[in-house]
Amino acid sequence: MTQNKDMAPEKETKLHDAEVADGVESADVEPTEEYDAEAEAQAEAASVTLAEELEDARAALEKEKKEYLFLMAEFDNYRKRVVREKGELVKNASEKVLQGLLPIVDDFERGLEAAKNTDSTDAILEGMELIYNKIVKYLESNGVKAMETTGTAFDADVHEAIATVPAPAEDQKGKILDTVQKGYMLNDKVLRHAKVVVGE
């Protein structure tokens, strides 16, 4: 009997320990399930956010791509237009120059006809001088000017020395004594170098 009494409290203790253990296990399980649900919700929200960001990035990339292609097409059109306009400009510029020379050719033809019907050398010379002046004036109107060479210092950038001769005076050394062929400038560029004789 005493033995049964002693065992009863032991049974109660074991029972109590089992209940406590069950309580601990259930306490451990419930927070874990709550945590897992919360983590899953956060992961799902993060996934949605990332998907939205990816979609925005794709939309921005597509927009940039369209703008880039548009700019490339626009630049290509601009390049083609510039090439075409440049070609037309060169073509029209030469056309304009040639049109300006035609009246001078007409003057030459009239002068040649007049020379056949006259023996006066003065009249022929006067006609040639008029035509020459007309040509010079036309060239100047297009930016072409003859170089002033004789008596100036030799400059290899614009002059071509075809001969050197002893200078008649000390101050004429290194200067141009004679111009064999005139040089011409087109605006600030050498159109044709002057062929000169230089004193040494």
C-alpha atoms as a PDB file:
ATOM      1  CA  MET A   1       0.000   0.000   0.000  1.00  0.00           C
ATOM      2  CA  THR A   2       2.786   2.292   0.880  1.00  0.00           C
ATOM      3  CA  GLN A   3       4.388   1.352  -2.342  1.00  0.00           C
ATOM      4  CA  ASN A   4       1.297   2.474  -4.293  1.00  0.00           C
ATOM      5  CA  LYS A   5       1.312   5.823  -2.525  1.00  0.00           C
ATOM      6  CA  ASP A   6       4.938   6.308  -3.377  1.00  0.00           C
ATOM      7  CA  MET A   7       4.278   5.517  -7.011  1.00  0.00           C
ATOM      8  CA  ALA A   8       1.355   7.877  -7.367  1.00  0.00           C
ATOM      9  CA  PRO A   9       3.384  11.051  -6.955  1.00  0.00           C
ATOM     10  CA  GLU A  10       5.960   9.610  -9.302  1.00  0.00           C
ATOM     11  CA  LYS A  11       3.220   9.006 -11.859  1.00  0.00           C
ATOM     12  CA  GLU A  12       1.925  12.522 -11.412  1.00  0.00           C
ATOM     13  CA  THR A  13       5.446  13.890 -11.910  1.00  0.00           C
ATOM     14  CA  LYS A  14       5.886  11.922 -15.107  1.00  0.00           C
ATOM     15  CA  LEU A  15       2.483  13.005 -16.298  1.00  0.00           C
ATOM     16  CA  HIS A  16       3.295  16.607 -15.462  1.00  0.00           C
ATOM     17  CA  ASP A  17       6.652  16.324 -17.264  1.00  0.00           C
ATOM     18  CA  ALA A  18       4.918  14.887 -20.327  1.00  0.00           C
ATOM     19  CA  GLU A  19       2.372  17.737 -20.347  1.00  0.00           C
ATOM     20  CA  VAL A  20       5.155  20.282 -19.953  1.00  0.00           C
ATOM     21  CA  ALA A  21       7.051  18.621 -22.799  1.00  0.00           C
ATOM     22  CA  ASP A  22       3.919  18.692 -24.958  1.00  0.00           C
ATOM     23  CA  GLY A  23       3.442  22.337 -24.080  1.00  0.00           C
ATOM     24  CA  VAL A  24       7.029  23.119 -25.024  1.00  0.00           C
ATOM     25  CA  GLU A  25       6.700  21.237 -28.286  1.00  0.00           C
ATOM     26  CA  SER A  26       3.443  22.990 -29.154  1.00  0.00           C
ATOM     27  CA  ALA A  27       4.943  26.335 -28.126  1.00  0.00           C
ATOM     28  CA  ASP A  28       7.927  25.676 -30.395  1.00  0.00           C
ATOM     29  CA  VAL A  29       5.796  24.643 -33.350  1.00  0.00           C
ATOM     30  CA  GLU A  30       3.296  27.507 -33.337  1.00  0.00           C
ATOM     31  CA  PRO A  31       5.829  30.391 -33.553  1.00  0.00           C
ATOM     32  CA  THR A  32       7.719  28.505 -36.273  1.00  0.00           C
ATOM     33  CA  GLU A  33       4.574  28.220 -38.381  1.00  0.00           C
ATOM     34  CA  GLU A  34       3.832  31.932 -37.846  1.00  0.00           C
ATOM     35  CA  TYR A  35       7.427  32.828 -38.782  1.00  0.00           C
ATOM     36  CA  ASP A  36       7.285  30.685 -41.921  1.00  0.00           C
ATOM     37  CA  ALA A  37       4.034  32.338 -43.012  1.00  0.00           C
ATOM     38  CA  GLU A  38       5.463  35.814 -42.394  1.00  0.00           C
ATOM     39  CA  ALA A  39       8.717  35.004 -44.245  1.00  0.00           C
ATOM     40  CA  GLU A  40       6.723  33.589 -47.128  1.00  0.00           C
ATOM     41  CA  ALA A  41       4.610  36.746 -47.295  1.00  0.00           C
ATOM     42  CA  GLN A  42       7.741  38.901 -47.261  1.00  0.00           C
ATOM     43  CA  ALA A  43       9.363  36.769 -49.972  1.00  0.00           C
ATOM     44  CA  GLU A  44       6.205  36.999 -52.078  1.00  0.00           C
ATOM     45  CA  ALA A  45       6.090  40.788 -51.639  1.00  0.00           C
ATOM     46  CA  ALA A  46       9.787  41.028 -52.530  1.00  0.00           C
ATOM     47  CA  SER A  47       9.176  38.842 -55.577  1.00  0.00           C
ATOM     48  CA  VAL A  48       6.306  41.089 -56.705  1.00  0.00           C
ATOM     49  CA  THR A  49       8.489  44.177 -56.183  1.00  0.00           C
ATOM     50  CA  LEU A  50      11.354  42.637 -58.161  1.00  0.00           C
ATOM     51  CA  ALA A  51       8.973  41.631 -60.939  1.00  0.00           C
ATOM     52  CA  GLU A  52       7.636  45.199 -61.093  1.00  0.00           C
ATOM     53  CA  GLU A  53      11.175  46.607 -61.128  1.00  0.00           C
ATOM     54  CA  LEU A  54      12.145  44.176 -63.888  1.00  0.00           C
ATOM     55  CA  GLU A  55       9.107  45.179 -65.915  1.00  0.00           C
ATOM     56  CA  ASP A  56       9.947  48.873 -65.414  1.00  0.00           C
ATOM     57  CA  ALA A  57      13.556  48.219 -66.451  1.00  0.00           C
ATOM     58  CA  ARG A  58      12.380  46.362 -69.567  1.00  0.00           C
ATOM     59  CA  ALA A  59      10.011  49.206 -70.447  1.00  0.00           C
ATOM     60  CA  ALA A  60      12.792  51.778 -69.948  1.00  0.00           C
ATOM     61  CA  LEU A  61      15.184  49.680 -72.065  1.00  0.00           C
ATOM     62  CA  GLU A  62      12.595  49.349 -74.833  1.00  0.00           C
ATOM     63  CA  LYS A  63      12.019  53.112 -74.760  1.00  0.00           C
ATOM     64  CA  GLU A  64      15.770  53.814 -74.918  1.00  0.00           C
ATOM     65  CA  LYS A  65      16.127  51.310 -77.758  1.00  0.00           C
ATOM     66  CA  LYS A  66      13.365  53.001 -79.760  1.00  0.00           C
ATOM     67  CA  GLU A  67      14.897  56.439 -79.166  1.00  0.00           C
ATOM     68  CA  TYR A  68      18.336  55.132 -80.177  1.00  0.00           C
ATOM     69  CA  LEU A  69      16.979  53.604 -83.394  1.00  0.00           C
ATOM     70  CA  PHE A  70      15.097  56.826 -84.133  1.00  0.00           C
ATOM     71  CA  LEU A  71      18.259  58.907 -83.620  1.00  0.00           C
ATOM     72  CA  MET A  72      20.298  56.524 -85.796  1.00  0.00           C
ATOM     73  CA  ALA A  73      17.728  56.760 -88.583  1.00  0.00           C
ATOM     74  CA  GLU A  74      17.595  60.543 -88.255  1.00  0.00           C
ATOM     75  CA  PHE A  75      21.409  60.809 -88.349  1.00  0.00           C
ATOM     76  CA  ASP A  76      21.572  58.534 -91.405  1.00  0.00           C
ATOM     77  CA  ASN A  77      19.011  60.735 -93.190  1.00  0.00           C
ATOM     78  CA  TYR A  78      20.990  63.846 -92.204  1.00  0.00           C
ATOM     79  CA  ARG A  79      24.238  62.325 -93.498  1.00  0.00           C
ATOM     80  CA  LYS A  80      22.640  61.381 -96.828  1.00  0.00           C
ATOM     81  CA  ARG A  81      21.110  64.850 -97.156  1.00  0.00           C
ATOM     82  CA  VAL A  82      24.466  66.550 -96.468  1.00  0.00           C
ATOM     83  CA  VAL A  83      26.243  64.349 -99.032  1.00  0.00           C
ATOM     84  CA  ARG A  84      23.544  65.101-101.611  1.00  0.00           C
ATOM     85  CA  GLU A  85      23.594  68.850-100.883  1.00  0.00           C
ATOM     86  CA  LYS A  86      27.392  68.923-101.034  1.00  0.00           C
ATOM     87  CA  GLY A  87      27.347  67.173-104.417  1.00  0.00           C
ATOM     88  CA  GLU A  88      24.751  69.604-105.701  1.00  0.00           C
ATOM     89  CA  LEU A  89      26.727  72.552-104.340  1.00  0.00           C
ATOM     90  CA  VAL A  90      29.907  71.453-106.143  1.00  0.00           C
ATOM     91  CA  LYS A  91      27.956  70.792-109.312  1.00  0.00           C
ATOM     92  CA  ASN A  92      26.110  74.110-109.169  1.00  0.00           C
ATOM     93  CA  ALA A  93      29.252  76.056-108.219  1.00  0.00           C
ATOM     94  CA  SER A  94      31.102  74.835-111.319  1.00  0.00           C
ATOM     95  CA  GLU A  95      27.984  75.508-113.388  1.00  0.00           C
ATOM     96  CA  LYS A  96      27.892  79.088-112.127  1.00  0.00           C
ATOM     97  CA  VAL A  97      31.593  79.624-112.917  1.00  0.00           C
ATOM     98  CA  LEU A  98      31.147  78.268-116.439  1.00  0.00           C
ATOM     99  CA  GLN A  99      28.082  80.425-117.032  1.00  0.00           C
ATOM    100  CA  GLY A 100      30.127  83.489-116.037  1.00  0.00           C
ATOM    101  CA  LEU A 101      32.800  82.608-118.614  1.00  0.00           C
ATOM    102  CA  LEU A 102      30.379  82.319-121.525  1.00  0.00           C
ATOM    103  CA  PRO A 103      29.959  86.102-122.085  1.00  0.00           C
ATOM    104  CA  ILE A 104      33.766  86.408-122.203  1.00  0.00           C
ATOM    105  CA  VAL A 105      33.908  83.672-124.852  1.00  0.00           C
ATOM    106  CA  ASP A 106      31.268  85.641-126.787  1.00  0.00           C
ATOM    107  CA  ASP A 107      33.514  88.738-126.594  1.00  0.00           C
ATOM    108  CA  PHE A 108      36.459  86.722-127.919  1.00  0.00           C
ATOM    109  CA  GLU A 109      34.409  85.468-130.846  1.00  0.00           C
ATOM    110  CA  ARG A 110      33.259  89.003-131.710  1.00  0.00           C
ATOM    111  CA  GLY A 111      36.853  90.240-131.380  1.00  0.00           C
ATOM    112  CA  LEU A 112      38.137  87.539-133.720  1.00  0.00           C
ATOM    113  CA  GLU A 113      35.479  88.397-136.319  1.00  0.00           C
ATOM    114  CA  ALA A 114      36.337  92.110-136.039  1.00  0.00           C
ATOM    115  CA  ALA A 115      40.070  91.342-136.396  1.00  0.00           C
ATOM    116  CA  LYS A 116      39.406  89.597-139.731  1.00  0.00           C
ATOM    117  CA  ASN A 117      37.807  92.737-141.139  1.00  0.00           C
ATOM    118  CA  THR A 118      40.400  95.288-140.016  1.00  0.00           C
ATOM    119  CA  ASP A 119      44.081  95.891-140.504  1.00  0.00           C
ATOM    120  CA  SER A 120      44.344  98.195-137.486  1.00  0.00           C
ATOM    121  CA  THR A 121      46.515  96.585-134.816  1.00  0.00           C
ATOM    122  CA  ASP A 122      45.450  99.290-132.362  1.00  0.00           C
ATOM    123  CA  ALA A 123      41.791  98.263-132.633  1.00  0.00           C
ATOM    124  CA  ILE A 124      42.698  94.576-132.113  1.00  0.00           C
ATOM    125  CA  LEU A 125      44.881  95.427-129.119  1.00  0.00           C
ATOM    126  CA  GLU A 126      42.136  97.563-127.595  1.00  0.00           C
ATOM    127  CA  GLY A 127      39.639  94.725-128.009  1.00  0.00           C
ATOM    128  CA  MET A 128      42.014  92.226-126.358  1.00  0.00           C
ATOM    129  CA  GLU A 129      42.620  94.598-123.447  1.00  0.00           C
ATOM    130  CA  LEU A 130      38.873  94.969-122.895  1.00  0.00           C
ATOM    131  CA  ILE A 131      38.412  91.200-122.850  1.00  0.00           C
ATOM    132  CA  TYR A 132      41.439  90.729-120.560  1.00  0.00           C
ATOM    133  CA  ASN A 133      40.101  93.310-118.087  1.00  0.00           C
ATOM    134  CA  LYS A 134      36.727  91.601-118.161  1.00  0.00           C
ATOM    135  CA  ILE A 135      38.327  88.240-117.337  1.00  0.00           C
ATOM    136  CA  VAL A 136      40.404  89.722-114.500  1.00  0.00           C
ATOM    137  CA  LYS A 137      37.344  91.428-113.053  1.00  0.00           C
ATOM    138  CA  TYR A 138      35.364  88.189-113.269  1.00  0.00           C
ATOM    139  CA  LEU A 139      38.127  86.232-111.512  1.00  0.00           C
ATOM    140  CA  GLU A 140      38.345  88.837-108.738  1.00  0.00           C
ATOM    141  CA  SER A 141      34.590  88.627-108.214  1.00  0.00           C
ATOM    142  CA  ASN A 142      35.099  84.883-107.583  1.00  0.00           C
ATOM    143  CA  GLY A 143      37.939  85.431-105.079  1.00  0.00           C
ATOM    144  CA  VAL A 144      40.857  84.882-107.486  1.00  0.00           C
ATOM    145  CA  LYS A 145      43.608  87.505-107.336  1.00  0.00           C
ATOM    146  CA  ALA A 146      47.055  87.718-108.898  1.00  0.00           C
ATOM    147  CA  MET A 147      50.037  87.772-106.514  1.00  0.00           C
ATOM    148  CA  GLU A 148      52.292  90.797-106.323  1.00  0.00           C
ATOM    149  CA  THR A 149      55.707  89.183-106.637  1.00  0.00           C
ATOM    150  CA  THR A 150      58.441  91.224-108.313  1.00  0.00           C
ATOM    151  CA  GLY A 151      60.470  93.164-105.745  1.00  0.00           C
ATOM    152  CA  THR A 152      59.058  91.273-102.760  1.00  0.00           C
ATOM    153  CA  ALA A 153      60.911  88.812-100.506  1.00  0.00           C
ATOM    154  CA  PHE A 154      60.949  85.195-101.664  1.00  0.00           C
ATOM    155  CA  ASP A 155      58.447  82.982 -99.802  1.00  0.00           C
ATOM    156  CA  ALA A 156      58.611  79.245-100.541  1.00  0.00           C
ATOM    157  CA  ASP A 157      54.969  78.823 -99.456  1.00  0.00           C
ATOM    158  CA  VAL A 158      53.650  80.901-102.351  1.00  0.00           C
ATOM    159  CA  HIS A 159      56.597  81.205-104.776  1.00  0.00           C
ATOM    160  CA  GLU A 160      58.460  78.646-106.860  1.00  0.00           C
ATOM    161  CA  ALA A 161      62.069  79.642-107.651  1.00  0.00           C
ATOM    162  CA  ILE A 162      62.975  78.444-111.123  1.00  0.00           C
ATOM    163  CA  ALA A 163      66.320  80.273-111.178  1.00  0.00           C
ATOM    164  CA  THR A 164      68.704  82.274-108.995  1.00  0.00           C
ATOM    165  CA  VAL A 165      70.891  85.080-110.332  1.00  0.00           C
ATOM    166  CA  PRO A 166      73.439  87.348-108.714  1.00  0.00           C
ATOM    167  CA  ALA A 167      71.623  90.302-107.140  1.00  0.00           C
ATOM    168  CA  PRO A 168      72.515  93.668-108.733  1.00  0.00           C
ATOM    169  CA  ALA A 169      72.447  95.287-105.285  1.00  0.00           C
ATOM    170  CA  GLU A 170      72.967  94.092-101.705  1.00  0.00           C
ATOM    171  CA  ASP A 171      69.389  94.944-100.676  1.00  0.00           C
ATOM    172  CA  GLN A 172      67.953  92.735-103.459  1.00  0.00           C
ATOM    173  CA  LYS A 173      69.450  89.502-102.142  1.00  0.00           C
ATOM    174  CA  GLY A 174      66.696  87.012-101.312  1.00  0.00           C
ATOM    175  CA  LYS A 175      64.165  89.090-103.247  1.00  0.00           C
ATOM    176  CA  ILE A 176      62.286  88.292-106.447  1.00  0.00           C
ATOM    177  CA  LEU A 177      63.911  89.992-109.431  1.00  0.00           C
ATOM    178  CA  ASP A 178      61.570  88.709-112.142  1.00  0.00           C
ATOM    179  CA  THR A 179      58.247  86.856-112.438  1.00  0.00           C
ATOM    180  CA  VAL A 180      58.194  84.244-115.186  1.00  0.00           C
ATOM    181  CA  GLN A 181      54.614  83.122-114.494  1.00  0.00           C
ATOM    182  CA  LYS A 182      52.079  84.883-112.288  1.00  0.00           C
ATOM    183  CA  GLY A 183      50.787  83.196-109.205  1.00  0.00           C
ATOM    184  CA  TYR A 184      47.159  83.367-108.095  1.00  0.00           C
ATOM    185  CA  MET A 185      45.387  83.167-104.730  1.00  0.00           C
ATOM    186  CA  LEU A 186      41.865  81.887-104.218  1.00  0.00           C
ATOM    187  CA  ASN A 187      40.766  83.815-101.145  1.00  0.00           C
ATOM    188  CA  ASP A 188      43.592  82.876 -98.695  1.00  0.00           C
ATOM    189  CA  LYS A 189      44.698  79.701-100.480  1.00  0.00           C
ATOM    190  CA  VAL A 190      47.365  79.370-103.182  1.00  0.00           C
ATOM    191  CA  LEU A 191      45.623  78.534-106.438  1.00  0.00           C
ATOM    192  CA  ARG A 192      48.865  78.558-108.445  1.00  0.00           C
ATOM    193  CA  HIS A 193      52.423  79.210-107.247  1.00  0.00           C
ATOM    194  CA  ALA A 194      54.276  82.056-108.908  1.00  0.00           C
ATOM    195  CA  LYS A 195      57.347  81.013-110.888  1.00  0.00           C
ATOM    196  CA  VAL A 196      60.070  83.525-110.101  1.00  0.00           C
ATOM    197  CA  VAL A 197      63.737  84.409-110.427  1.00  0.00           C
ATOM    198  CA  VAL A 198      65.441  85.129-107.086  1.00  0.00           C
ATOM    199  CA  GLY A 199      68.528  87.286-106.424  1.00  0.00           C
ATOM    200  CA  GLU A 200      71.365  85.827-104.382  1.00  0.00           C
END
